[in-house]
Amino acid sequence: MTQITPQQLLAQMRQLTAAAQNTTQPTAGTQNQAFTSALSDALKTVNDYQSQAAAAANRIESGDGGVSLVKAMIASQKSSVAFDAAVQVRNRVVSAYQDIMNMPI
C-alpha cells in the first residue's frame, strides 16, 4: 500500500482547483434538467431490465427453447440489482430531503 504524502495531496488539490476554474458553471436550470434526465434514464433502464426479466421468465414457463434458464436467471438478477440500486437512491434522496427540511432557518 502506498503512502499518501502532503505534497501529493496538495498537488492533487491544485490540479482539481485548476480544472474547476477552467470549466464554466452551468445554470441552475441546466443542472435541474441534467438531474431530471439522468434520473429518468436510470428509471427507464431499471424498467427495461424488469421487462426483459419478465419476458425471459414467461418464455421459460411457456417452454420456449429460445432462451436458456441461465439467461433468464441472469436477467432476473440484473433486474433485482438494478431495482435495489434504485431503491437505495430513493432512500438517500428522501433522507437528504428530510435533513434539509429539519434544518433551522
PDB file of N, CA and C in Angstrom:
ATOM      1  N   MET A   1       0.845  -1.169   0.000  1.00  0.00           N
ATOM      2  CA  MET A   1       0.000   0.000   0.000  1.00  0.00           C
ATOM      3  C   MET A   1       0.893   1.235   0.000  1.00  0.00           C
ATOM      4  N   THR A   2       0.611   2.184  -0.848  1.00  0.00           N
ATOM      5  CA  THR A   2       1.443   3.375  -0.959  1.00  0.00           C
ATOM      6  C   THR A   2       1.010   4.413   0.058  1.00  0.00           C
ATOM      7  N   GLN A   3       1.983   5.161   0.517  1.00  0.00           N
ATOM      8  CA  GLN A   3       1.724   6.232   1.464  1.00  0.00           C
ATOM      9  C   GLN A   3       1.332   7.496   0.711  1.00  0.00           C
ATOM     10  N   ILE A   4       0.385   8.214   1.249  1.00  0.00           N
ATOM     11  CA  ILE A   4      -0.029   9.484   0.658  1.00  0.00           C
ATOM     12  C   ILE A   4       0.691  10.589   1.419  1.00  0.00           C
ATOM     13  N   THR A   5       1.426  11.380   0.682  1.00  0.00           N
ATOM     14  CA  THR A   5       2.181  12.456   1.309  1.00  0.00           C
ATOM     15  C   THR A   5       1.410  13.761   1.188  1.00  0.00           C
ATOM     16  N   PRO A   6       1.708  14.715   2.063  1.00  0.00           N
ATOM     17  CA  PRO A   6       1.048  16.018   1.962  1.00  0.00           C
ATOM     18  C   PRO A   6       1.319  16.701   0.619  1.00  0.00           C
ATOM     19  N   GLN A   7       2.498  16.465   0.056  1.00  0.00           N
ATOM     20  CA  GLN A   7       2.818  17.073  -1.237  1.00  0.00           C
ATOM     21  C   GLN A   7       1.913  16.518  -2.336  1.00  0.00           C
ATOM     22  N   GLN A   8       1.643  15.220  -2.286  1.00  0.00           N
ATOM     23  CA  GLN A   8       0.753  14.618  -3.273  1.00  0.00           C
ATOM     24  C   GLN A   8      -0.662  15.174  -3.145  1.00  0.00           C
ATOM     25  N   LEU A   9      -1.120  15.310  -1.906  1.00  0.00           N
ATOM     26  CA  LEU A   9      -2.455  15.865  -1.688  1.00  0.00           C
ATOM     27  C   LEU A   9      -2.544  17.299  -2.185  1.00  0.00           C
ATOM     28  N   LEU A  10      -1.518  18.091  -1.891  1.00  0.00           N
ATOM     29  CA  LEU A  10      -1.501  19.482  -2.324  1.00  0.00           C
ATOM     30  C   LEU A  10      -1.482  19.580  -3.844  1.00  0.00           C
ATOM     31  N   ALA A  11      -0.687  18.739  -4.493  1.00  0.00           N
ATOM     32  CA  ALA A  11      -0.631  18.747  -5.957  1.00  0.00           C
ATOM     33  C   ALA A  11      -1.979  18.352  -6.551  1.00  0.00           C
ATOM     34  N   GLN A  12      -2.614  17.367  -5.960  1.00  0.00           N
ATOM     35  CA  GLN A  12      -3.922  16.940  -6.456  1.00  0.00           C
ATOM     36  C   GLN A  12      -4.968  18.035  -6.250  1.00  0.00           C
ATOM     37  N   MET A  13      -4.923  18.708  -5.107  1.00  0.00           N
ATOM     38  CA  MET A  13      -5.863  19.805  -4.851  1.00  0.00           C
ATOM     39  C   MET A  13      -5.660  20.935  -5.851  1.00  0.00           C
ATOM     40  N   ARG A  14      -4.407  21.237  -6.181  1.00  0.00           N
ATOM     41  CA  ARG A  14      -4.131  22.292  -7.154  1.00  0.00           C
ATOM     42  C   ARG A  14      -4.645  21.905  -8.538  1.00  0.00           C
ATOM     43  N   GLN A  15      -4.465  20.644  -8.905  1.00  0.00           N
ATOM     44  CA  GLN A  15      -4.970  20.187 -10.200  1.00  0.00           C
ATOM     45  C   GLN A  15      -6.488  20.283 -10.258  1.00  0.00           C
ATOM     46  N   LEU A  16      -7.146  19.877  -9.190  1.00  0.00           N
ATOM     47  CA  LEU A  16      -8.603  19.942  -9.159  1.00  0.00           C
ATOM     48  C   LEU A  16      -9.097  21.382  -9.177  1.00  0.00           C
ATOM     49  N   THR A  17      -8.391  22.269  -8.476  1.00  0.00           N
ATOM     50  CA  THR A  17      -8.761  23.683  -8.475  1.00  0.00           C
ATOM     51  C   THR A  17      -8.616  24.272  -9.866  1.00  0.00           C
ATOM     52  N   ALA A  18      -7.510  23.954 -10.533  1.00  0.00           N
ATOM     53  CA  ALA A  18      -7.294  24.459 -11.889  1.00  0.00           C
ATOM     54  C   ALA A  18      -8.356  23.917 -12.839  1.00  0.00           C
ATOM     55  N   ALA A  19      -8.699  22.652 -12.695  1.00  0.00           N
ATOM     56  CA  ALA A  19      -9.725  22.066 -13.562  1.00  0.00           C
ATOM     57  C   ALA A  19     -11.085  22.695 -13.304  1.00  0.00           C
ATOM     58  N   ALA A  20     -11.381  22.985 -12.041  1.00  0.00           N
ATOM     59  CA  ALA A  20     -12.669  23.594 -11.710  1.00  0.00           C
ATOM     60  C   ALA A  20     -12.759  25.022 -12.233  1.00  0.00           C
ATOM     61  N   GLN A  21     -11.655  25.743 -12.230  1.00  0.00           N
ATOM     62  CA  GLN A  21     -11.671  27.119 -12.710  1.00  0.00           C
ATOM     63  C   GLN A  21     -11.802  27.178 -14.225  1.00  0.00           C
ATOM     64  N   ASN A  22     -11.369  26.151 -14.919  1.00  0.00           N
ATOM     65  CA  ASN A  22     -11.442  26.135 -16.371  1.00  0.00           C
ATOM     66  C   ASN A  22     -12.812  25.737 -16.897  1.00  0.00           C
ATOM     67  N   THR A  23     -13.663  25.199 -16.049  1.00  0.00           N
ATOM     68  CA  THR A  23     -14.991  24.797 -16.502  1.00  0.00           C
ATOM     69  C   THR A  23     -15.973  25.922 -16.263  1.00  0.00           C
ATOM     70  N   THR A  24     -16.952  26.008 -17.128  1.00  0.00           N
ATOM     71  CA  THR A  24     -17.996  27.007 -16.942  1.00  0.00           C
ATOM     72  C   THR A  24     -19.036  26.442 -16.003  1.00  0.00           C
ATOM     73  N   GLN A  25     -19.594  27.293 -15.194  1.00  0.00           N
ATOM     74  CA  GLN A  25     -20.605  26.874 -14.245  1.00  0.00           C
ATOM     75  C   GLN A  25     -21.964  26.815 -14.938  1.00  0.00           C
ATOM     76  N   PRO A  26     -22.621  25.663 -14.930  1.00  0.00           N
ATOM     77  CA  PRO A  26     -23.940  25.580 -15.543  1.00  0.00           C
ATOM     78  C   PRO A  26     -24.966  26.317 -14.693  1.00  0.00           C
ATOM     79  N   THR A  27     -26.011  26.768 -15.322  1.00  0.00           N
ATOM     80  CA  THR A  27     -27.058  27.467 -14.593  1.00  0.00           C
ATOM     81  C   THR A  27     -27.886  26.462 -13.814  1.00  0.00           C
ATOM     82  N   ALA A  28     -28.677  26.968 -12.879  1.00  0.00           N
ATOM     83  CA  ALA A  28     -29.490  26.088 -12.045  1.00  0.00           C
ATOM     84  C   ALA A  28     -30.486  25.304 -12.890  1.00  0.00           C
ATOM     85  N   GLY A  29     -31.050  25.931 -13.905  1.00  0.00           N
ATOM     86  CA  GLY A  29     -31.997  25.243 -14.773  1.00  0.00           C
ATOM     87  C   GLY A  29     -31.352  24.097 -15.518  1.00  0.00           C
ATOM     88  N   THR A  30     -30.130  24.295 -15.971  1.00  0.00           N
ATOM     89  CA  THR A  30     -29.405  23.247 -16.685  1.00  0.00           C
ATOM     90  C   THR A  30     -29.096  22.084 -15.750  1.00  0.00           C
ATOM     91  N   GLN A  31     -28.691  22.399 -14.517  1.00  0.00           N
ATOM     92  CA  GLN A  31     -28.403  21.342 -13.547  1.00  0.00           C
ATOM     93  C   GLN A  31     -29.665  20.549 -13.241  1.00  0.00           C
ATOM     94  N   ASN A  32     -30.790  21.254 -13.093  1.00  0.00           N
ATOM     95  CA  ASN A  32     -32.052  20.592 -12.783  1.00  0.00           C
ATOM     96  C   ASN A  32     -32.453  19.665 -13.922  1.00  0.00           C
ATOM     97  N   GLN A  33     -32.308  20.140 -15.159  1.00  0.00           N
ATOM     98  CA  GLN A  33     -32.662  19.318 -16.310  1.00  0.00           C
ATOM     99  C   GLN A  33     -31.730  18.116 -16.429  1.00  0.00           C
ATOM    100  N   ALA A  34     -30.458  18.319 -16.136  1.00  0.00           N
ATOM    101  CA  ALA A  34     -29.500  17.217 -16.214  1.00  0.00           C
ATOM    102  C   ALA A  34     -29.830  16.148 -15.171  1.00  0.00           C
ATOM    103  N   PHE A  35     -30.174  16.568 -13.960  1.00  0.00           N
ATOM    104  CA  PHE A  35     -30.530  15.618 -12.907  1.00  0.00           C
ATOM    105  C   PHE A  35     -31.808  14.877 -13.274  1.00  0.00           C
ATOM    106  N   THR A  36     -32.793  15.624 -13.758  1.00  0.00           N
ATOM    107  CA  THR A  36     -34.057  15.013 -14.157  1.00  0.00           C
ATOM    108  C   THR A  36     -33.845  14.009 -15.278  1.00  0.00           C
ATOM    109  N   SER A  37     -33.024  14.386 -16.241  1.00  0.00           N
ATOM    110  CA  SER A  37     -32.740  13.496 -17.367  1.00  0.00           C
ATOM    111  C   SER A  37     -32.009  12.236 -16.902  1.00  0.00           C
ATOM    112  N   ALA A  38     -31.021  12.400 -16.035  1.00  0.00           N
ATOM    113  CA  ALA A  38     -30.261  11.249 -15.534  1.00  0.00           C
ATOM    114  C   ALA A  38     -31.162  10.313 -14.728  1.00  0.00           C
ATOM    115  N   LEU A  39     -32.017  10.888 -13.894  1.00  0.00           N
ATOM    116  CA  LEU A  39     -32.922  10.076 -13.087  1.00  0.00           C
ATOM    117  C   LEU A  39     -33.925   9.342 -13.971  1.00  0.00           C
ATOM    118  N   SER A  40     -34.447  10.040 -14.956  1.00  0.00           N
ATOM    119  CA  SER A  40     -35.400   9.434 -15.886  1.00  0.00           C
ATOM    120  C   SER A  40     -34.751   8.288 -16.668  1.00  0.00           C
ATOM    121  N   ASP A  41     -33.541   8.509 -17.151  1.00  0.00           N
ATOM    122  CA  ASP A  41     -32.821   7.462 -17.891  1.00  0.00           C
ATOM    123  C   ASP A  41     -32.555   6.242 -17.006  1.00  0.00           C
ATOM    124  N   ALA A  42     -32.185   6.490 -15.754  1.00  0.00           N
ATOM    125  CA  ALA A  42     -31.915   5.381 -14.833  1.00  0.00           C
ATOM    126  C   ALA A  42     -33.182   4.570 -14.572  1.00  0.00           C
ATOM    127  N   LEU A  43     -34.306   5.253 -14.389  1.00  0.00           N
ATOM    128  CA  LEU A  43     -35.556   4.541 -14.145  1.00  0.00           C
ATOM    129  C   LEU A  43     -36.011   3.767 -15.383  1.00  0.00           C
ATOM    130  N   LYS A  44     -35.771   4.332 -16.559  1.00  0.00           N
ATOM    131  CA  LYS A  44     -36.102   3.609 -17.796  1.00  0.00           C
ATOM    132  C   LYS A  44     -35.240   2.355 -17.928  1.00  0.00           C
ATOM    133  N   THR A  45     -33.982   2.455 -17.538  1.00  0.00           N
ATOM    134  CA  THR A  45     -33.090   1.296 -17.588  1.00  0.00           C
ATOM    135  C   THR A  45     -33.570   0.204 -16.636  1.00  0.00           C
ATOM    136  N   VAL A  46     -33.956   0.602 -15.422  1.00  0.00           N
ATOM    137  CA  VAL A  46     -34.482  -0.369 -14.457  1.00  0.00           C
ATOM    138  C   VAL A  46     -35.735  -1.027 -15.024  1.00  0.00           C
ATOM    139  N   ASN A  47     -36.611  -0.220 -15.610  1.00  0.00           N
ATOM    140  CA  ASN A  47     -37.833  -0.760 -16.204  1.00  0.00           C
ATOM    141  C   ASN A  47     -37.513  -1.733 -17.339  1.00  0.00           C
ATOM    142  N   ASP A  48     -36.531  -1.390 -18.164  1.00  0.00           N
ATOM    143  CA  ASP A  48     -36.132  -2.283 -19.261  1.00  0.00           C
ATOM    144  C   ASP A  48     -35.616  -3.620 -18.723  1.00  0.00           C
ATOM    145  N   TYR A  49     -34.788  -3.561 -17.681  1.00  0.00           N
ATOM    146  CA  TYR A  49     -34.278  -4.799 -17.081  1.00  0.00           C
ATOM    147  C   TYR A  49     -35.428  -5.653 -16.545  1.00  0.00           C
ATOM    148  N   GLN A  50     -36.394  -5.008 -15.892  1.00  0.00           N
ATOM    149  CA  GLN A  50     -37.519  -5.757 -15.347  1.00  0.00           C
ATOM    150  C   GLN A  50     -38.372  -6.358 -16.460  1.00  0.00           C
ATOM    151  N   SER A  51     -38.563  -5.618 -17.536  1.00  0.00           N
ATOM    152  CA  SER A  51     -39.336  -6.135 -18.672  1.00  0.00           C
ATOM    153  C   SER A  51     -38.627  -7.326 -19.315  1.00  0.00           C
ATOM    154  N   GLN A  52     -37.308  -7.218 -19.485  1.00  0.00           N
ATOM    155  CA  GLN A  52     -36.544  -8.317 -20.073  1.00  0.00           C
ATOM    156  C   GLN A  52     -36.596  -9.560 -19.186  1.00  0.00           C
ATOM    157  N   ALA A  53     -36.494  -9.357 -17.875  1.00  0.00           N
ATOM    158  CA  ALA A  53     -36.536 -10.487 -16.950  1.00  0.00           C
ATOM    159  C   ALA A  53     -37.909 -11.150 -16.977  1.00  0.00           C
ATOM    160  N   ALA A  54     -38.964 -10.347 -17.009  1.00  0.00           N
ATOM    161  CA  ALA A  54     -40.318 -10.905 -17.058  1.00  0.00           C
ATOM    162  C   ALA A  54     -40.548 -11.661 -18.364  1.00  0.00           C
ATOM    163  N   ALA A  55     -40.073 -11.098 -19.468  1.00  0.00           N
ATOM    164  CA  ALA A  55     -40.232 -11.767 -20.763  1.00  0.00           C
ATOM    165  C   ALA A  55     -39.468 -13.087 -20.787  1.00  0.00           C
ATOM    166  N   ALA A  56     -38.255 -13.091 -20.254  1.00  0.00           N
ATOM    167  CA  ALA A  56     -37.464 -14.325 -20.221  1.00  0.00           C
ATOM    168  C   ALA A  56     -38.141 -15.374 -19.339  1.00  0.00           C
ATOM    169  N   ALA A  57     -38.669 -14.945 -18.197  1.00  0.00           N
ATOM    170  CA  ALA A  57     -39.356 -15.886 -17.306  1.00  0.00           C
ATOM    171  C   ALA A  57     -40.604 -16.454 -17.981  1.00  0.00           C
ATOM    172  N   ASN A  58     -41.342 -15.610 -18.689  1.00  0.00           N
ATOM    173  CA  ASN A  58     -42.539 -16.085 -19.391  1.00  0.00           C
ATOM    174  C   ASN A  58     -42.175 -17.087 -20.484  1.00  0.00           C
ATOM    175  N   ARG A  59     -41.071 -16.827 -21.175  1.00  0.00           N
ATOM    176  CA  ARG A  59     -40.639 -17.750 -22.233  1.00  0.00           C
ATOM    177  C   ARG A  59     -40.211 -19.095 -21.640  1.00  0.00           C
ATOM    178  N   ILE A  60     -39.561 -19.060 -20.490  1.00  0.00           N
ATOM    179  CA  ILE A  60     -39.163 -20.307 -19.818  1.00  0.00           C
ATOM    180  C   ILE A  60     -40.407 -21.070 -19.379  1.00  0.00           C
ATOM    181  N   GLU A  61     -41.374 -20.356 -18.789  1.00  0.00           N
ATOM    182  CA  GLU A  61     -42.592 -21.003 -18.301  1.00  0.00           C
ATOM    183  C   GLU A  61     -43.401 -21.621 -19.435  1.00  0.00           C
ATOM    184  N   SER A  62     -43.377 -20.978 -20.597  1.00  0.00           N
ATOM    185  CA  SER A  62     -44.156 -21.494 -21.724  1.00  0.00           C
ATOM    186  C   SER A  62     -43.425 -22.607 -22.470  1.00  0.00           C
ATOM    187  N   GLY A  63     -42.186 -22.875 -22.093  1.00  0.00           N
ATOM    188  CA  GLY A  63     -41.439 -23.960 -22.713  1.00  0.00           C
ATOM    189  C   GLY A  63     -40.725 -23.575 -23.989  1.00  0.00           C
ATOM    190  N   ASP A  64     -40.559 -22.289 -24.221  1.00  0.00           N
ATOM    191  CA  ASP A  64     -39.853 -21.818 -25.415  1.00  0.00           C
ATOM    192  C   ASP A  64     -38.379 -22.194 -25.282  1.00  0.00           C
ATOM    193  N   GLY A  65     -37.859 -22.850 -26.285  1.00  0.00           N
ATOM    194  CA  GLY A  65     -36.468 -23.286 -26.249  1.00  0.00           C
ATOM    195  C   GLY A  65     -35.491 -22.210 -26.664  1.00  0.00           C
ATOM    196  N   GLY A  66     -35.980 -21.033 -27.017  1.00  0.00           N
ATOM    197  CA  GLY A  66     -35.106 -19.967 -27.495  1.00  0.00           C
ATOM    198  C   GLY A  66     -34.315 -19.281 -26.404  1.00  0.00           C
ATOM    199  N   VAL A  67     -34.700 -19.472 -25.168  1.00  0.00           N
ATOM    200  CA  VAL A  67     -33.983 -18.833 -24.064  1.00  0.00           C
ATOM    201  C   VAL A  67     -33.630 -19.904 -23.030  1.00  0.00           C
ATOM    202  N   SER A  68     -32.426 -19.816 -22.519  1.00  0.00           N
ATOM    203  CA  SER A  68     -31.995 -20.812 -21.536  1.00  0.00           C
ATOM    204  C   SER A  68     -32.357 -20.341 -20.130  1.00  0.00           C
ATOM    205  N   LEU A  69     -32.417 -21.281 -19.242  1.00  0.00           N
ATOM    206  CA  LEU A  69     -32.715 -20.970 -17.848  1.00  0.00           C
ATOM    207  C   LEU A  69     -31.635 -20.070 -17.257  1.00  0.00           C
ATOM    208  N   VAL A  70     -30.401 -20.286 -17.660  1.00  0.00           N
ATOM    209  CA  VAL A  70     -29.286 -19.476 -17.158  1.00  0.00           C
ATOM    210  C   VAL A  70     -29.472 -18.015 -17.556  1.00  0.00           C
ATOM    211  N   LYS A  71     -29.820 -17.780 -18.825  1.00  0.00           N
ATOM    212  CA  LYS A  71     -30.023 -16.407 -19.285  1.00  0.00           C
ATOM    213  C   LYS A  71     -31.205 -15.761 -18.580  1.00  0.00           C
ATOM    214  N   ALA A  72     -32.252 -16.530 -18.334  1.00  0.00           N
ATOM    215  CA  ALA A  72     -33.410 -15.994 -17.619  1.00  0.00           C
ATOM    216  C   ALA A  72     -33.038 -15.620 -16.188  1.00  0.00           C
ATOM    217  N   MET A  73     -32.238 -16.453 -15.543  1.00  0.00           N
ATOM    218  CA  MET A  73     -31.820 -16.160 -14.168  1.00  0.00           C
ATOM    219  C   MET A  73     -30.893 -14.950 -14.123  1.00  0.00           C
ATOM    220  N   ILE A  74     -30.015 -14.824 -15.105  1.00  0.00           N
ATOM    221  CA  ILE A  74     -29.129 -13.657 -15.158  1.00  0.00           C
ATOM    222  C   ILE A  74     -29.949 -12.393 -15.359  1.00  0.00           C
ATOM    223  N   ALA A  75     -30.940 -12.445 -16.245  1.00  0.00           N
ATOM    224  CA  ALA A  75     -31.809 -11.285 -16.463  1.00  0.00           C
ATOM    225  C   ALA A  75     -32.563 -10.938 -15.189  1.00  0.00           C
ATOM    226  N   SER A  76     -33.004 -11.957 -14.467  1.00  0.00           N
ATOM    227  CA  SER A  76     -33.703 -11.730 -13.205  1.00  0.00           C
ATOM    228  C   SER A  76     -32.789 -11.076 -12.173  1.00  0.00           C
ATOM    229  N   GLN A  77     -31.547 -11.524 -12.095  1.00  0.00           N
ATOM    230  CA  GLN A  77     -30.602 -10.943 -11.142  1.00  0.00           C
ATOM    231  C   GLN A  77     -30.229  -9.512 -11.515  1.00  0.00           C
ATOM    232  N   LYS A  78     -30.061  -9.242 -12.816  1.00  0.00           N
ATOM    233  CA  LYS A  78     -29.791  -7.872 -13.260  1.00  0.00           C
ATOM    234  C   LYS A  78     -30.938  -6.960 -12.853  1.00  0.00           C
ATOM    235  N   SER A  79     -32.153  -7.449 -13.052  1.00  0.00           N
ATOM    236  CA  SER A  79     -33.336  -6.682 -12.683  1.00  0.00           C
ATOM    237  C   SER A  79     -33.369  -6.419 -11.181  1.00  0.00           C
ATOM    238  N   SER A  80     -33.055  -7.435 -10.415  1.00  0.00           N
ATOM    239  CA  SER A  80     -33.061  -7.306  -8.959  1.00  0.00           C
ATOM    240  C   SER A  80     -32.016  -6.305  -8.474  1.00  0.00           C
ATOM    241  N   VAL A  81     -30.817  -6.392  -9.020  1.00  0.00           N
ATOM    242  CA  VAL A  81     -29.742  -5.474  -8.621  1.00  0.00           C
ATOM    243  C   VAL A  81     -30.085  -4.040  -9.015  1.00  0.00           C
ATOM    244  N   ALA A  82     -30.613  -3.856 -10.223  1.00  0.00           N
ATOM    245  CA  ALA A  82     -30.981  -2.513 -10.676  1.00  0.00           C
ATOM    246  C   ALA A  82     -32.086  -1.934  -9.809  1.00  0.00           C
ATOM    247  N   PHE A  83     -33.071  -2.752  -9.459  1.00  0.00           N
ATOM    248  CA  PHE A  83     -34.163  -2.270  -8.619  1.00  0.00           C
ATOM    249  C   PHE A  83     -33.665  -1.928  -7.222  1.00  0.00           C
ATOM    250  N   ASP A  84     -32.809  -2.771  -6.659  1.00  0.00           N
ATOM    251  CA  ASP A  84     -32.241  -2.483  -5.336  1.00  0.00           C
ATOM    252  C   ASP A  84     -31.446  -1.182  -5.347  1.00  0.00           C
ATOM    253  N   ALA A  85     -30.695  -0.945  -6.413  1.00  0.00           N
ATOM    254  CA  ALA A  85     -29.939   0.304  -6.525  1.00  0.00           C
ATOM    255  C   ALA A  85     -30.882   1.499  -6.604  1.00  0.00           C
ATOM    256  N   ALA A  86     -31.969   1.368  -7.351  1.00  0.00           N
ATOM    257  CA  ALA A  86     -32.945   2.458  -7.455  1.00  0.00           C
ATOM    258  C   ALA A  86     -33.588   2.738  -6.101  1.00  0.00           C
ATOM    259  N   VAL A  87     -33.878   1.699  -5.348  1.00  0.00           N
ATOM    260  CA  VAL A  87     -34.458   1.882  -4.014  1.00  0.00           C
ATOM    261  C   VAL A  87     -33.461   2.584  -3.096  1.00  0.00           C
ATOM    262  N   GLN A  88     -32.188   2.221  -3.174  1.00  0.00           N
ATOM    263  CA  GLN A  88     -31.168   2.872  -2.354  1.00  0.00           C
ATOM    264  C   GLN A  88     -31.039   4.353  -2.702  1.00  0.00           C
ATOM    265  N   VAL A  89     -31.088   4.671  -3.990  1.00  0.00           N
ATOM    266  CA  VAL A  89     -31.029   6.079  -4.405  1.00  0.00           C
ATOM    267  C   VAL A  89     -32.235   6.821  -3.859  1.00  0.00           C
ATOM    268  N   ARG A  90     -33.410   6.215  -3.977  1.00  0.00           N
ATOM    269  CA  ARG A  90     -34.615   6.848  -3.449  1.00  0.00           C
ATOM    270  C   ARG A  90     -34.487   7.095  -1.950  1.00  0.00           C
ATOM    271  N   ASN A  91     -33.993   6.108  -1.215  1.00  0.00           N
ATOM    272  CA  ASN A  91     -33.833   6.256   0.229  1.00  0.00           C
ATOM    273  C   ASN A  91     -32.865   7.387   0.571  1.00  0.00           C
ATOM    274  N   ARG A  92     -31.781   7.497  -0.187  1.00  0.00           N
ATOM    275  CA  ARG A  92     -30.813   8.567   0.066  1.00  0.00           C
ATOM    276  C   ARG A  92     -31.412   9.936  -0.244  1.00  0.00           C
ATOM    277  N   VAL A  93     -32.180  10.030  -1.325  1.00  0.00           N
ATOM    278  CA  VAL A  93     -32.809  11.304  -1.685  1.00  0.00           C
ATOM    279  C   VAL A  93     -33.822  11.703  -0.622  1.00  0.00           C
ATOM    280  N   VAL A  94     -34.624  10.764  -0.157  1.00  0.00           N
ATOM    281  CA  VAL A  94     -35.605  11.059   0.887  1.00  0.00           C
ATOM    282  C   VAL A  94     -34.896  11.479   2.167  1.00  0.00           C
ATOM    283  N   SER A  95     -33.825  10.798   2.510  1.00  0.00           N
ATOM    284  CA  SER A  95     -33.063  11.149   3.707  1.00  0.00           C
ATOM    285  C   SER A  95     -32.463  12.548   3.597  1.00  0.00           C
ATOM    286  N   ALA A  96     -31.911  12.876   2.437  1.00  0.00           N
ATOM    287  CA  ALA A  96     -31.349  14.218   2.235  1.00  0.00           C
ATOM    288  C   ALA A  96     -32.437  15.273   2.315  1.00  0.00           C
ATOM    289  N   TYR A  97     -33.592  14.998   1.736  1.00  0.00           N
ATOM    290  CA  TYR A  97     -34.716  15.935   1.794  1.00  0.00           C
ATOM    291  C   TYR A  97     -35.147  16.156   3.240  1.00  0.00           C
ATOM    292  N   GLN A  98     -35.243  15.079   4.015  1.00  0.00           N
ATOM    293  CA  GLN A  98     -35.637  15.203   5.414  1.00  0.00           C
ATOM    294  C   GLN A  98     -34.596  15.985   6.210  1.00  0.00           C
ATOM    295  N   ASP A  99     -33.319  15.766   5.928  1.00  0.00           N
ATOM    296  CA  ASP A  99     -32.265  16.524   6.599  1.00  0.00           C
ATOM    297  C   ASP A  99     -32.394  18.013   6.305  1.00  0.00           C
ATOM    298  N   ILE A 100     -32.664  18.339   5.055  1.00  0.00           N
ATOM    299  CA  ILE A 100     -32.815  19.748   4.677  1.00  0.00           C
ATOM    300  C   ILE A 100     -34.043  20.348   5.345  1.00  0.00           C
ATOM    301  N   MET A 101     -35.133  19.601   5.376  1.00  0.00           N
ATOM    302  CA  MET A 101     -36.364  20.119   5.977  1.00  0.00           C
ATOM    303  C   MET A 101     -36.228  20.296   7.490  1.00  0.00           C
ATOM    304  N   ASN A 102     -35.361  19.531   8.132  1.00  0.00           N
ATOM    305  CA  ASN A 102     -35.176  19.636   9.576  1.00  0.00           C
ATOM    306  C   ASN A 102     -34.156  20.697   9.978  1.00  0.00           C
ATOM    307  N   MET A 103     -33.517  21.334   9.006  1.00  0.00           N
ATOM    308  CA  MET A 103     -32.543  22.377   9.322  1.00  0.00           C
ATOM    309  C   MET A 103     -33.259  23.629   9.822  1.00  0.00           C
ATOM    310  N   PRO A 104     -32.692  24.257  10.843  1.00  0.00           N
ATOM    311  CA  PRO A 104     -33.296  25.517  11.301  1.00  0.00           C
ATOM    312  C   PRO A 104     -33.031  26.633  10.294  1.00  0.00           C
ATOM    313  N   ILE A 105     -33.954  27.541  10.234  1.00  0.00           N
ATOM    314  CA  ILE A 105     -33.815  28.658   9.286  1.00  0.00           C
ATOM    315  C   ILE A 105     -33.142  29.830   9.958  1.00  0.00           C
TER     316      ILE A 105
END
